[in-house]
Amino acid sequence: MTDDLLPIKTLISNRCDELGLRPAEVVRRCGYKNISKGLRRLESVTQGCFKGNEALIQALPSALGVAAEVVKEAVEATQRQIYGANEAAWRAAFRPHAVILTEKQRPEQIFIAAIIGVDRILRVDLDPAEGEVTYIVQALKGIRQKLARWNPKGINVSSVGLGDLPLPTFGRPVGVIVNYTPDRAVRFDLTGQPIEALDRAHRIGEAQLSLKGMSRPLTRGELDVVFGGRQIKRIQ
């Protein structure tokens, strides 16, 4: 899906054509004196990035000469379209994996979580070739490997319990969820005993960072380029 098909971009483009407006005039009508900044914000909105752009969205009805409800409907339709596309892509790319549950549901330091990558801290990829019956064993082994990676050298991780050492910024593990399919998952304790059957996979949240002047968060690849792994090594 390209942003050309997003309802919010279609609305802005059509109204600009009808009114003979250029993008710079739109952002000027939205109250921006810094036109370059306003254009970045407008481009971000046309791509469906609404968080952080609330002021521009609120000003769009007046700038485009439409009712506030028209812009609201375009925003909501865009959100539904992006969600549907993202959901379809996630299901198509799904592979069995486990998610480590920790004592802190949200990271203490979002900056650190974003640099490392929440997936790298909490996700354990599973090998389907070994069979579903081995998934929990693979998951527990993966937790121990992550504890060994993120804790100071010299600690014999195999001699302590899985809940005795912390993971970066999330604290100690308290359990694990094995995602078998997008619609089937099981929560286990740290001894591998099943606790609860779930009718959908447990999704890991994201921690995002953006640089000054950017209207969107940095991607995972951009973060790796910007920080070059140096901060990750220091955390280890």
C-alpha atoms as a PDB file:
ATOM      1  CA  MET A   1       0.000   0.000   0.000  1.00  0.00           C
ATOM      2  CA  THR A   2       1.342   3.439  -0.909  1.00  0.00           C
ATOM      3  CA  ASP A   3       0.445   6.684   0.810  1.00  0.00           C
ATOM      4  CA  ASP A   4      -1.113   7.848  -2.527  1.00  0.00           C
ATOM      5  CA  LEU A   5      -4.135   5.705  -1.645  1.00  0.00           C
ATOM      6  CA  LEU A   6      -4.608   7.065   1.877  1.00  0.00           C
ATOM      7  CA  PRO A   7      -7.858   9.006   2.385  1.00  0.00           C
ATOM      8  CA  ILE A   8      -6.142  11.910   4.167  1.00  0.00           C
ATOM      9  CA  LYS A   9      -3.709  12.412   1.293  1.00  0.00           C
ATOM     10  CA  THR A  10      -6.526  12.188  -1.231  1.00  0.00           C
ATOM     11  CA  LEU A  11      -8.532  14.828   0.660  1.00  0.00           C
ATOM     12  CA  ILE A  12      -5.615  17.271   0.907  1.00  0.00           C
ATOM     13  CA  SER A  13      -4.568  16.748  -2.704  1.00  0.00           C
ATOM     14  CA  ASN A  14      -8.099  17.160  -4.066  1.00  0.00           C
ATOM     15  CA  ARG A  15      -8.776  20.328  -2.073  1.00  0.00           C
ATOM     16  CA  CYS A  16      -5.437  21.818  -3.131  1.00  0.00           C
ATOM     17  CA  ASP A  17      -6.377  21.202  -6.767  1.00  0.00           C
ATOM     18  CA  GLU A  18      -9.847  22.660  -6.296  1.00  0.00           C
ATOM     19  CA  LEU A  19      -8.580  25.775  -4.509  1.00  0.00           C
ATOM     20  CA  GLY A  20      -5.403  26.177  -6.527  1.00  0.00           C
ATOM     21  CA  LEU A  21      -3.264  25.861  -3.386  1.00  0.00           C
ATOM     22  CA  ARG A  22       0.339  24.811  -3.184  1.00  0.00           C
ATOM     23  CA  PRO A  23       1.512  22.860  -0.092  1.00  0.00           C
ATOM     24  CA  ALA A  24       3.392  25.907   1.205  1.00  0.00           C
ATOM     25  CA  GLU A  25       0.172  27.911   1.185  1.00  0.00           C
ATOM     26  CA  VAL A  26      -1.654  25.141   3.028  1.00  0.00           C
ATOM     27  CA  VAL A  27       0.837  25.132   5.901  1.00  0.00           C
ATOM     28  CA  ARG A  28       0.832  28.931   5.941  1.00  0.00           C
ATOM     29  CA  ARG A  29      -2.951  28.802   6.341  1.00  0.00           C
ATOM     30  CA  CYS A  30      -2.413  26.322   9.172  1.00  0.00           C
ATOM     31  CA  GLY A  31      -0.452  28.989  11.046  1.00  0.00           C
ATOM     32  CA  TYR A  32       3.132  27.922  10.335  1.00  0.00           C
ATOM     33  CA  LYS A  33       5.658  30.721   9.991  1.00  0.00           C
ATOM     34  CA  ASN A  34       8.445  28.186   9.538  1.00  0.00           C
ATOM     35  CA  ILE A  35       7.262  26.867   6.182  1.00  0.00           C
ATOM     36  CA  SER A  36       9.896  24.131   5.960  1.00  0.00           C
ATOM     37  CA  LYS A  37       8.772  22.731   9.303  1.00  0.00           C
ATOM     38  CA  GLY A  38       5.146  22.985   8.259  1.00  0.00           C
ATOM     39  CA  LEU A  39       5.834  21.130   5.001  1.00  0.00           C
ATOM     40  CA  ARG A  40       7.525  18.317   6.911  1.00  0.00           C
ATOM     41  CA  ARG A  41       4.499  18.091   9.178  1.00  0.00           C
ATOM     42  CA  LEU A  42       2.110  18.099   6.228  1.00  0.00           C
ATOM     43  CA  GLU A  43       4.063  15.359   4.444  1.00  0.00           C
ATOM     44  CA  SER A  44       4.020  13.299   7.631  1.00  0.00           C
ATOM     45  CA  VAL A  45       0.228  13.664   7.891  1.00  0.00           C
ATOM     46  CA  THR A  46      -0.276  12.623   4.255  1.00  0.00           C
ATOM     47  CA  GLN A  47       1.652   9.444   5.087  1.00  0.00           C
ATOM     48  CA  GLY A  48      -0.738   8.682   7.944  1.00  0.00           C
ATOM     49  CA  CYS A  49       1.513   9.804  10.808  1.00  0.00           C
ATOM     50  CA  PHE A  50      -0.898  11.666  13.078  1.00  0.00           C
ATOM     51  CA  LYS A  51       0.792  11.453  16.463  1.00  0.00           C
ATOM     52  CA  GLY A  52       2.615  14.694  17.175  1.00  0.00           C
ATOM     53  CA  ASN A  53       0.821  16.455  14.312  1.00  0.00           C
ATOM     54  CA  GLU A  54      -2.399  17.229  16.164  1.00  0.00           C
ATOM     55  CA  ALA A  55      -2.051  21.019  15.771  1.00  0.00           C
ATOM     56  CA  LEU A  56      -1.779  20.790  12.003  1.00  0.00           C
ATOM     57  CA  ILE A  57      -4.715  18.378  11.776  1.00  0.00           C
ATOM     58  CA  GLN A  58      -6.836  20.731  13.884  1.00  0.00           C
ATOM     59  CA  ALA A  59      -5.995  23.606  11.520  1.00  0.00           C
ATOM     60  CA  LEU A  60      -6.615  21.677   8.297  1.00  0.00           C
ATOM     61  CA  PRO A  61     -10.408  22.238   8.070  1.00  0.00           C
ATOM     62  CA  SER A  62      -9.963  26.003   7.937  1.00  0.00           C
ATOM     63  CA  ALA A  63      -6.951  25.773   5.627  1.00  0.00           C
ATOM     64  CA  LEU A  64      -8.767  23.489   3.183  1.00  0.00           C
ATOM     65  CA  GLY A  65     -12.174  25.108   3.504  1.00  0.00           C
ATOM     66  CA  VAL A  66     -13.965  21.981   4.699  1.00  0.00           C
ATOM     67  CA  ALA A  67     -15.920  21.013   7.799  1.00  0.00           C
ATOM     68  CA  ALA A  68     -13.952  19.609  10.723  1.00  0.00           C
ATOM     69  CA  GLU A  69     -15.962  16.392  10.370  1.00  0.00           C
ATOM     70  CA  VAL A  70     -14.582  15.889   6.851  1.00  0.00           C
ATOM     71  CA  VAL A  71     -10.985  15.929   8.087  1.00  0.00           C
ATOM     72  CA  LYS A  72     -11.897  13.763  11.076  1.00  0.00           C
ATOM     73  CA  GLU A  73     -13.483  11.153   8.812  1.00  0.00           C
ATOM     74  CA  ALA A  74     -10.423  11.153   6.519  1.00  0.00           C
ATOM     75  CA  VAL A  75      -8.105  10.665   9.492  1.00  0.00           C
ATOM     76  CA  GLU A  76     -10.195   7.800  10.877  1.00  0.00           C
ATOM     77  CA  ALA A  77     -10.476   6.129   7.466  1.00  0.00           C
ATOM     78  CA  THR A  78      -6.707   6.405   7.056  1.00  0.00           C
ATOM     79  CA  GLN A  79      -6.120   4.844  10.467  1.00  0.00           C
ATOM     80  CA  ARG A  80      -8.429   1.938   9.613  1.00  0.00           C
ATOM     81  CA  GLN A  81      -6.719   1.415   6.267  1.00  0.00           C
ATOM     82  CA  ILE A  82      -3.224   1.452   7.766  1.00  0.00           C
ATOM     83  CA  TYR A  83      -4.273  -0.881  10.568  1.00  0.00           C
ATOM     84  CA  GLY A  84      -5.779  -3.328   8.104  1.00  0.00           C
ATOM     85  CA  ALA A  85      -2.688  -3.299   5.903  1.00  0.00           C
ATOM     86  CA  ASN A  86      -0.365  -3.680   8.886  1.00  0.00           C
ATOM     87  CA  GLU A  87      -2.445  -6.525  10.298  1.00  0.00           C
ATOM     88  CA  ALA A  88      -2.418  -8.367   6.979  1.00  0.00           C
ATOM     89  CA  ALA A  89       1.346  -7.904   6.648  1.00  0.00           C
ATOM     90  CA  TRP A  90       1.917  -9.076  10.241  1.00  0.00           C
ATOM     91  CA  ARG A  91      -0.139 -12.221   9.694  1.00  0.00           C
ATOM     92  CA  ALA A  92       1.624 -12.994   6.422  1.00  0.00           C
ATOM     93  CA  ALA A  93       5.032 -12.616   8.075  1.00  0.00           C
ATOM     94  CA  PHE A  94       4.105 -14.441  11.308  1.00  0.00           C
ATOM     95  CA  ARG A  95       6.511 -17.084  12.578  1.00  0.00           C
ATOM     96  CA  PRO A  96       6.187 -18.965  15.899  1.00  0.00           C
ATOM     97  CA  HIS A  97       7.949 -17.092  18.666  1.00  0.00           C
ATOM     98  CA  ALA A  98       7.887 -16.463  22.398  1.00  0.00           C
ATOM     99  CA  VAL A  99       7.538 -13.198  24.299  1.00  0.00           C
ATOM    100  CA  ILE A 100       9.227 -12.842  27.675  1.00  0.00           C
ATOM    101  CA  LEU A 101       6.991 -11.358  30.366  1.00  0.00           C
ATOM    102  CA  THR A 102       8.825  -9.117  32.831  1.00  0.00           C
ATOM    103  CA  GLU A 103       8.190  -7.422  36.152  1.00  0.00           C
ATOM    104  CA  LYS A 104       7.917  -4.066  34.360  1.00  0.00           C
ATOM    105  CA  GLN A 105       5.314  -3.913  31.595  1.00  0.00           C
ATOM    106  CA  ARG A 106       6.793  -0.671  30.316  1.00  0.00           C
ATOM    107  CA  PRO A 107      10.530   0.010  30.057  1.00  0.00           C
ATOM    108  CA  GLU A 108      12.052   2.184  32.758  1.00  0.00           C
ATOM    109  CA  GLN A 109      14.173   3.912  30.107  1.00  0.00           C
ATOM    110  CA  ILE A 110      12.406   4.226  26.768  1.00  0.00           C
ATOM    111  CA  PHE A 111      15.596   5.638  25.224  1.00  0.00           C
ATOM    112  CA  ILE A 112      17.516   2.458  26.050  1.00  0.00           C
ATOM    113  CA  ALA A 113      14.655   0.215  24.919  1.00  0.00           C
ATOM    114  CA  ALA A 114      14.481   2.054  21.590  1.00  0.00           C
ATOM    115  CA  ILE A 115      18.233   1.861  20.970  1.00  0.00           C
ATOM    116  CA  ILE A 116      18.452  -1.856  21.685  1.00  0.00           C
ATOM    117  CA  GLY A 117      15.050  -2.745  20.226  1.00  0.00           C
ATOM    118  CA  VAL A 118      12.244  -4.160  22.358  1.00  0.00           C
ATOM    119  CA  ASP A 119      12.111  -7.257  20.131  1.00  0.00           C
ATOM    120  CA  ARG A 120      15.785  -7.936  20.805  1.00  0.00           C
ATOM    121  CA  ILE A 121      15.136  -7.870  24.529  1.00  0.00           C
ATOM    122  CA  LEU A 122      11.819  -9.702  24.810  1.00  0.00           C
ATOM    123  CA  ARG A 123      11.339 -11.868  21.694  1.00  0.00           C
ATOM    124  CA  VAL A 124      12.626 -15.437  21.335  1.00  0.00           C
ATOM    125  CA  ASP A 125      12.365 -16.886  17.829  1.00  0.00           C
ATOM    126  CA  LEU A 126      11.394 -20.558  17.697  1.00  0.00           C
ATOM    127  CA  ASP A 127      12.359 -23.289  15.233  1.00  0.00           C
ATOM    128  CA  PRO A 128       9.191 -24.895  13.786  1.00  0.00           C
ATOM    129  CA  ALA A 129      11.264 -27.818  12.486  1.00  0.00           C
ATOM    130  CA  GLU A 130      11.683 -28.993  16.093  1.00  0.00           C
ATOM    131  CA  GLY A 131       7.911 -29.311  16.531  1.00  0.00           C
ATOM    132  CA  GLU A 132       5.398 -27.427  18.695  1.00  0.00           C
ATOM    133  CA  VAL A 133       6.029 -29.708  21.649  1.00  0.00           C
ATOM    134  CA  THR A 134       9.527 -28.217  21.973  1.00  0.00           C
ATOM    135  CA  TYR A 135       8.460 -24.560  21.820  1.00  0.00           C
ATOM    136  CA  ILE A 136       8.379 -24.006  25.564  1.00  0.00           C
ATOM    137  CA  VAL A 137      11.781 -25.664  25.974  1.00  0.00           C
ATOM    138  CA  GLN A 138      13.157 -23.440  23.225  1.00  0.00           C
ATOM    139  CA  ALA A 139      11.563 -20.395  24.867  1.00  0.00           C
ATOM    140  CA  LEU A 140      13.093 -21.061  28.286  1.00  0.00           C
ATOM    141  CA  LYS A 141      16.475 -21.688  26.687  1.00  0.00           C
ATOM    142  CA  GLY A 142      16.107 -18.388  24.834  1.00  0.00           C
ATOM    143  CA  ILE A 143      15.423 -16.530  28.081  1.00  0.00           C
ATOM    144  CA  ARG A 144      18.600 -17.914  29.613  1.00  0.00           C
ATOM    145  CA  GLN A 145      20.588 -16.897  26.537  1.00  0.00           C
ATOM    146  CA  LYS A 146      19.273 -13.351  26.762  1.00  0.00           C
ATOM    147  CA  LEU A 147      20.090 -13.168  30.471  1.00  0.00           C
ATOM    148  CA  ALA A 148      23.622 -14.297  29.681  1.00  0.00           C
ATOM    149  CA  ARG A 149      23.910 -11.666  26.954  1.00  0.00           C
ATOM    150  CA  TRP A 150      22.629  -8.703  28.935  1.00  0.00           C
ATOM    151  CA  ASN A 151      24.175  -9.356  32.350  1.00  0.00           C
ATOM    152  CA  PRO A 152      27.774  -8.632  33.406  1.00  0.00           C
ATOM    153  CA  LYS A 153      30.428 -11.151  32.519  1.00  0.00           C
ATOM    154  CA  GLY A 154      31.412 -13.500  35.293  1.00  0.00           C
ATOM    155  CA  ILE A 155      27.886 -14.416  36.307  1.00  0.00           C
ATOM    156  CA  ASN A 156      27.132 -18.096  35.788  1.00  0.00           C
ATOM    157  CA  VAL A 157      23.618 -17.716  34.411  1.00  0.00           C
ATOM    158  CA  SER A 158      23.048 -21.461  34.392  1.00  0.00           C
ATOM    159  CA  SER A 159      23.405 -21.536  38.178  1.00  0.00           C
ATOM    160  CA  VAL A 160      20.626 -19.027  38.914  1.00  0.00           C
ATOM    161  CA  GLY A 161      16.886 -19.039  38.328  1.00  0.00           C
ATOM    162  CA  LEU A 162      15.380 -17.453  35.233  1.00  0.00           C
ATOM    163  CA  GLY A 163      13.707 -14.855  37.426  1.00  0.00           C
ATOM    164  CA  ASP A 164      16.839 -13.901  39.364  1.00  0.00           C
ATOM    165  CA  LEU A 165      18.536 -11.605  36.824  1.00  0.00           C
ATOM    166  CA  PRO A 166      17.165  -8.570  34.968  1.00  0.00           C
ATOM    167  CA  LEU A 167      16.811  -7.789  31.301  1.00  0.00           C
ATOM    168  CA  PRO A 168      17.682  -4.257  30.182  1.00  0.00           C
ATOM    169  CA  THR A 169      15.172  -1.670  31.418  1.00  0.00           C
ATOM    170  CA  PHE A 170      12.352  -4.282  31.796  1.00  0.00           C
ATOM    171  CA  GLY A 171      13.518  -5.972  34.986  1.00  0.00           C
ATOM    172  CA  ARG A 172      13.410  -9.678  35.774  1.00  0.00           C
ATOM    173  CA  PRO A 173      11.452 -12.244  33.735  1.00  0.00           C
ATOM    174  CA  VAL A 174       8.237 -13.458  35.395  1.00  0.00           C
ATOM    175  CA  GLY A 175       6.873 -15.731  32.672  1.00  0.00           C
ATOM    176  CA  VAL A 176       6.687 -16.316  28.940  1.00  0.00           C
ATOM    177  CA  ILE A 177       4.010 -16.474  26.257  1.00  0.00           C
ATOM    178  CA  VAL A 178       4.471 -18.842  23.327  1.00  0.00           C
ATOM    179  CA  ASN A 179       2.758 -17.566  20.183  1.00  0.00           C
ATOM    180  CA  TYR A 180       1.939 -20.667  18.138  1.00  0.00           C
ATOM    181  CA  THR A 181      -0.166 -18.878  15.506  1.00  0.00           C
ATOM    182  CA  PRO A 182      -1.659 -15.375  15.166  1.00  0.00           C
ATOM    183  CA  ASP A 183      -4.759 -16.752  16.900  1.00  0.00           C
ATOM    184  CA  ARG A 184      -3.318 -19.197  19.439  1.00  0.00           C
ATOM    185  CA  ALA A 185      -0.929 -18.621  22.310  1.00  0.00           C
ATOM    186  CA  VAL A 186      -0.220 -20.031  25.783  1.00  0.00           C
ATOM    187  CA  ARG A 187       1.195 -18.281  28.832  1.00  0.00           C
ATOM    188  CA  PHE A 188       3.681 -20.328  30.878  1.00  0.00           C
ATOM    189  CA  ASP A 189       5.479 -19.766  34.160  1.00  0.00           C
ATOM    190  CA  LEU A 190       9.273 -19.919  34.284  1.00  0.00           C
ATOM    191  CA  THR A 191       9.246 -23.654  35.036  1.00  0.00           C
ATOM    192  CA  GLY A 192       7.408 -24.335  31.783  1.00  0.00           C
ATOM    193  CA  GLN A 193       4.001 -25.003  33.355  1.00  0.00           C
ATOM    194  CA  PRO A 194       1.028 -23.729  31.290  1.00  0.00           C
ATOM    195  CA  ILE A 195      -0.993 -21.013  33.040  1.00  0.00           C
ATOM    196  CA  GLU A 196      -3.448 -19.667  30.491  1.00  0.00           C
ATOM    197  CA  ALA A 197      -4.563 -20.344  26.920  1.00  0.00           C
ATOM    198  CA  LEU A 198      -5.004 -17.228  24.764  1.00  0.00           C
ATOM    199  CA  ASP A 199      -7.054 -16.773  21.600  1.00  0.00           C
ATOM    200  CA  ARG A 200      -4.588 -14.374  19.997  1.00  0.00           C
ATOM    201  CA  ALA A 201      -0.850 -13.909  19.847  1.00  0.00           C
ATOM    202  CA  HIS A 202       0.719 -11.556  22.371  1.00  0.00           C
ATOM    203  CA  ARG A 203       2.128  -8.535  20.545  1.00  0.00           C
ATOM    204  CA  ILE A 204       5.235  -6.693  21.672  1.00  0.00           C
ATOM    205  CA  GLY A 205       4.992  -2.920  21.864  1.00  0.00           C
ATOM    206  CA  GLU A 206       7.536  -0.574  20.351  1.00  0.00           C
ATOM    207  CA  ALA A 207       9.750   2.125  21.806  1.00  0.00           C
ATOM    208  CA  GLN A 208      10.416   4.890  19.285  1.00  0.00           C
ATOM    209  CA  LEU A 209      12.855   7.771  18.984  1.00  0.00           C
ATOM    210  CA  SER A 210      12.994  10.700  16.599  1.00  0.00           C
ATOM    211  CA  LEU A 211      15.703  13.263  16.010  1.00  0.00           C
ATOM    212  CA  LYS A 212      15.107  16.990  16.320  1.00  0.00           C
ATOM    213  CA  GLY A 213      13.417  18.266  13.198  1.00  0.00           C
ATOM    214  CA  MET A 214      12.060  14.872  12.158  1.00  0.00           C
ATOM    215  CA  SER A 215       8.301  14.438  11.793  1.00  0.00           C
ATOM    216  CA  ARG A 216       8.443  10.640  12.167  1.00  0.00           C
ATOM    217  CA  PRO A 217      10.267   8.177  14.433  1.00  0.00           C
ATOM    218  CA  LEU A 218      13.541   6.588  13.361  1.00  0.00           C
ATOM    219  CA  THR A 219      13.209   3.119  11.880  1.00  0.00           C
ATOM    220  CA  ARG A 220      15.063   0.145  13.371  1.00  0.00           C
ATOM    221  CA  GLY A 221      17.591   0.296  10.559  1.00  0.00           C
ATOM    222  CA  GLU A 222      18.138   4.030  11.023  1.00  0.00           C
ATOM    223  CA  LEU A 223      18.675   3.580  14.766  1.00  0.00           C
ATOM    224  CA  ASP A 224      21.305   0.938  14.102  1.00  0.00           C
ATOM    225  CA  VAL A 225      23.072   3.273  11.663  1.00  0.00           C
ATOM    226  CA  VAL A 226      22.862   6.302  13.958  1.00  0.00           C
ATOM    227  CA  PHE A 227      24.135   4.507  17.052  1.00  0.00           C
ATOM    228  CA  GLY A 228      26.279   1.914  15.310  1.00  0.00           C
ATOM    229  CA  GLY A 229      25.851  -0.602  18.128  1.00  0.00           C
ATOM    230  CA  ARG A 230      28.108   1.395  20.446  1.00  0.00           C
ATOM    231  CA  GLN A 231      25.447   2.081  23.054  1.00  0.00           C
ATOM    232  CA  ILE A 232      24.314  -1.554  22.952  1.00  0.00           C
ATOM    233  CA  LYS A 233      27.833  -2.719  23.745  1.00  0.00           C
ATOM    234  CA  ARG A 234      28.050  -0.293  26.654  1.00  0.00           C
ATOM    235  CA  ILE A 235      24.766  -1.591  28.075  1.00  0.00           C
ATOM    236  CA  GLN A 236      26.143  -5.124  27.951  1.00  0.00           C
END
